[in-house]
Amino acid sequence: INGLSQEFIDSWIVGFINGEGCFSAAKGATGARFVIEHTDKGVLDMMKSRLDSGPNVIARPQRGSRKLTYVLEISTAKDLKSLIDFLYSNISLQGYKYVQYINWKKNTLKN
């Protein structure tokens, strides 16, 4: 990513979230979580750093013949706020992912 503008990187992250991210309900104070899984740990570490998130990127146990994957799961109020602020200030999610995100914010996320 050296030499790329922050705007380009942010747009790429939004596109990656659009394709691979999952907004869902969870137990806990926020009632919500965001999860993204990928085979490249470095990509998730870069996203974690850009979002200034607390949780570590963890390896997910291999399932059968599938490749080893890594997961970034965000569920604390601070980290979810950072994600929401990031999505608000950048190019928006598209299509069904945008609808999923809006419903998640409205119906799942506790203030």
C-alpha atoms as a PDB file:
ATOM      1  CA  ILE A   1       0.000   0.000   0.000  1.00  0.00           C
ATOM      2  CA  ASN A   2       3.047   2.241  -0.014  1.00  0.00           C
ATOM      3  CA  GLY A   3       2.544   5.112  -2.405  1.00  0.00           C
ATOM      4  CA  LEU A   4      -1.251   4.833  -2.448  1.00  0.00           C
ATOM      5  CA  SER A   5      -3.382   7.708  -1.247  1.00  0.00           C
ATOM      6  CA  GLN A   6      -5.383   7.324   1.961  1.00  0.00           C
ATOM      7  CA  GLU A   7      -8.528   8.049  -0.059  1.00  0.00           C
ATOM      8  CA  PHE A   8      -7.780   5.115  -2.359  1.00  0.00           C
ATOM      9  CA  ILE A   9      -7.068   2.803   0.583  1.00  0.00           C
ATOM     10  CA  ASP A  10     -10.254   3.899   2.373  1.00  0.00           C
ATOM     11  CA  SER A  11     -12.314   3.282  -0.759  1.00  0.00           C
ATOM     12  CA  TRP A  12     -10.737  -0.160  -1.082  1.00  0.00           C
ATOM     13  CA  ILE A  13     -11.574  -0.958   2.566  1.00  0.00           C
ATOM     14  CA  VAL A  14     -15.213   0.081   2.006  1.00  0.00           C
ATOM     15  CA  GLY A  15     -15.349  -2.175  -1.057  1.00  0.00           C
ATOM     16  CA  PHE A  16     -13.829  -5.033   0.912  1.00  0.00           C
ATOM     17  CA  ILE A  17     -16.389  -4.540   3.698  1.00  0.00           C
ATOM     18  CA  ASN A  18     -19.116  -4.438   1.055  1.00  0.00           C
ATOM     19  CA  GLY A  19     -18.017  -7.819  -0.257  1.00  0.00           C
ATOM     20  CA  GLU A  20     -16.855  -9.646   2.859  1.00  0.00           C
ATOM     21  CA  GLY A  21     -18.163  -7.862   5.971  1.00  0.00           C
ATOM     22  CA  CYS A  22     -20.983  -9.106   8.169  1.00  0.00           C
ATOM     23  CA  PHE A  23     -23.082  -6.905  10.461  1.00  0.00           C
ATOM     24  CA  SER A  24     -24.917  -9.006  13.058  1.00  0.00           C
ATOM     25  CA  ALA A  25     -26.428  -9.164  16.532  1.00  0.00           C
ATOM     26  CA  ALA A  26     -24.334 -10.212  19.523  1.00  0.00           C
ATOM     27  CA  LYS A  27     -24.561 -10.588  23.254  1.00  0.00           C
ATOM     28  CA  GLY A  28     -23.012  -7.803  25.242  1.00  0.00           C
ATOM     29  CA  ALA A  29     -23.434  -4.132  25.929  1.00  0.00           C
ATOM     30  CA  THR A  30     -23.669  -3.017  22.289  1.00  0.00           C
ATOM     31  CA  GLY A  31     -25.900  -5.854  21.110  1.00  0.00           C
ATOM     32  CA  ALA A  32     -24.034  -5.814  17.821  1.00  0.00           C
ATOM     33  CA  ARG A  33     -20.848  -6.871  16.102  1.00  0.00           C
ATOM     34  CA  PHE A  34     -19.038  -6.584  12.818  1.00  0.00           C
ATOM     35  CA  VAL A  35     -17.031  -9.526  11.513  1.00  0.00           C
ATOM     36  CA  ILE A  36     -14.808  -9.834   8.484  1.00  0.00           C
ATOM     37  CA  GLU A  37     -12.889 -12.954   7.499  1.00  0.00           C
ATOM     38  CA  HIS A  38     -10.123 -13.407   4.934  1.00  0.00           C
ATOM     39  CA  THR A  39      -7.162 -15.605   4.048  1.00  0.00           C
ATOM     40  CA  ASP A  40      -4.706 -12.683   4.185  1.00  0.00           C
ATOM     41  CA  LYS A  41      -3.978 -11.671   7.787  1.00  0.00           C
ATOM     42  CA  GLY A  42      -2.100  -8.579   6.608  1.00  0.00           C
ATOM     43  CA  VAL A  43      -5.235  -7.147   4.990  1.00  0.00           C
ATOM     44  CA  LEU A  44      -7.202  -7.509   8.219  1.00  0.00           C
ATOM     45  CA  ASP A  45      -4.314  -6.076  10.262  1.00  0.00           C
ATOM     46  CA  MET A  46      -4.276  -3.043   7.933  1.00  0.00           C
ATOM     47  CA  MET A  47      -8.034  -2.594   8.394  1.00  0.00           C
ATOM     48  CA  LYS A  48      -7.671  -2.953  12.176  1.00  0.00           C
ATOM     49  CA  SER A  49      -4.992  -0.285  12.159  1.00  0.00           C
ATOM     50  CA  ARG A  50      -6.976   2.102   9.912  1.00  0.00           C
ATOM     51  CA  LEU A  51     -10.090   1.713  12.089  1.00  0.00           C
ATOM     52  CA  ASP A  52      -7.962   2.061  15.236  1.00  0.00           C
ATOM     53  CA  SER A  53      -9.679  -1.076  16.594  1.00  0.00           C
ATOM     54  CA  GLY A  54      -8.743  -2.911  19.754  1.00  0.00           C
ATOM     55  CA  PRO A  55      -9.303  -6.601  18.994  1.00  0.00           C
ATOM     56  CA  ASN A  56      -6.576  -8.727  17.503  1.00  0.00           C
ATOM     57  CA  VAL A  57      -6.910 -10.472  14.170  1.00  0.00           C
ATOM     58  CA  ILE A  58      -7.153 -14.156  15.056  1.00  0.00           C
ATOM     59  CA  ALA A  59      -6.712 -17.357  13.102  1.00  0.00           C
ATOM     60  CA  ARG A  60      -9.911 -19.310  12.615  1.00  0.00           C
ATOM     61  CA  PRO A  61      -9.542 -23.073  12.977  1.00  0.00           C
ATOM     62  CA  GLN A  62      -9.200 -24.713   9.599  1.00  0.00           C
ATOM     63  CA  ARG A  63     -12.367 -26.448   8.436  1.00  0.00           C
ATOM     64  CA  GLY A  64     -11.813 -29.551   6.366  1.00  0.00           C
ATOM     65  CA  SER A  65      -9.854 -28.789   3.220  1.00  0.00           C
ATOM     66  CA  ARG A  66     -10.549 -25.022   3.347  1.00  0.00           C
ATOM     67  CA  LYS A  67      -7.662 -22.591   3.568  1.00  0.00           C
ATOM     68  CA  LEU A  68      -6.650 -21.129   6.903  1.00  0.00           C
ATOM     69  CA  THR A  69      -8.562 -17.879   7.425  1.00  0.00           C
ATOM     70  CA  TYR A  70      -8.291 -14.955   9.810  1.00  0.00           C
ATOM     71  CA  VAL A  71     -11.055 -13.001  11.505  1.00  0.00           C
ATOM     72  CA  LEU A  72     -11.432  -9.440  12.732  1.00  0.00           C
ATOM     73  CA  GLU A  73     -14.419  -9.132  15.054  1.00  0.00           C
ATOM     74  CA  ILE A  74     -15.483  -5.744  16.387  1.00  0.00           C
ATOM     75  CA  SER A  75     -18.102  -5.507  19.142  1.00  0.00           C
ATOM     76  CA  THR A  76     -17.129  -2.858  21.697  1.00  0.00           C
ATOM     77  CA  ALA A  77     -18.835   0.531  21.669  1.00  0.00           C
ATOM     78  CA  LYS A  78     -15.553   2.355  20.949  1.00  0.00           C
ATOM     79  CA  ASP A  79     -14.615   0.101  18.042  1.00  0.00           C
ATOM     80  CA  LEU A  80     -18.131   0.061  16.552  1.00  0.00           C
ATOM     81  CA  LYS A  81     -18.224   3.869  16.741  1.00  0.00           C
ATOM     82  CA  SER A  82     -14.903   3.996  14.902  1.00  0.00           C
ATOM     83  CA  LEU A  83     -16.292   1.704  12.179  1.00  0.00           C
ATOM     84  CA  ILE A  84     -19.497   3.751  11.859  1.00  0.00           C
ATOM     85  CA  ASP A  85     -17.534   7.015  11.713  1.00  0.00           C
ATOM     86  CA  PHE A  86     -15.262   5.520   9.051  1.00  0.00           C
ATOM     87  CA  LEU A  87     -18.207   4.382   6.921  1.00  0.00           C
ATOM     88  CA  TYR A  88     -19.950   7.738   7.373  1.00  0.00           C
ATOM     89  CA  SER A  89     -16.931   9.721   6.220  1.00  0.00           C
ATOM     90  CA  ASN A  90     -16.079   7.596   3.175  1.00  0.00           C
ATOM     91  CA  ILE A  91     -17.703   6.265   0.056  1.00  0.00           C
ATOM     92  CA  SER A  92     -20.841   4.455   1.139  1.00  0.00           C
ATOM     93  CA  LEU A  93     -21.544   0.773   1.081  1.00  0.00           C
ATOM     94  CA  GLN A  94     -23.565  -0.391  -1.898  1.00  0.00           C
ATOM     95  CA  GLY A  95     -26.609  -2.541  -2.624  1.00  0.00           C
ATOM     96  CA  TYR A  96     -27.762  -5.116  -0.100  1.00  0.00           C
ATOM     97  CA  LYS A  97     -24.750  -4.529   2.170  1.00  0.00           C
ATOM     98  CA  TYR A  98     -25.869  -0.915   2.590  1.00  0.00           C
ATOM     99  CA  VAL A  99     -29.405  -2.077   3.480  1.00  0.00           C
ATOM    100  CA  GLN A 100     -27.965  -4.645   5.926  1.00  0.00           C
ATOM    101  CA  TYR A 101     -25.799  -1.951   7.529  1.00  0.00           C
ATOM    102  CA  ILE A 102     -28.669   0.549   7.923  1.00  0.00           C
ATOM    103  CA  ASN A 103     -30.939  -2.128   9.449  1.00  0.00           C
ATOM    104  CA  TRP A 104     -28.118  -3.217  11.769  1.00  0.00           C
ATOM    105  CA  LYS A 105     -27.564   0.349  12.973  1.00  0.00           C
ATOM    106  CA  LYS A 106     -31.287   0.979  13.422  1.00  0.00           C
ATOM    107  CA  ASN A 107     -32.488  -2.328  14.847  1.00  0.00           C
ATOM    108  CA  THR A 108     -29.512  -4.139  16.378  1.00  0.00           C
ATOM    109  CA  LEU A 109     -26.976  -1.640  17.649  1.00  0.00           C
ATOM    110  CA  LYS A 110     -27.749  -0.395  21.145  1.00  0.00           C
ATOM    111  CA  ASN A 111     -26.788   3.182  21.879  1.00  0.00           C
END
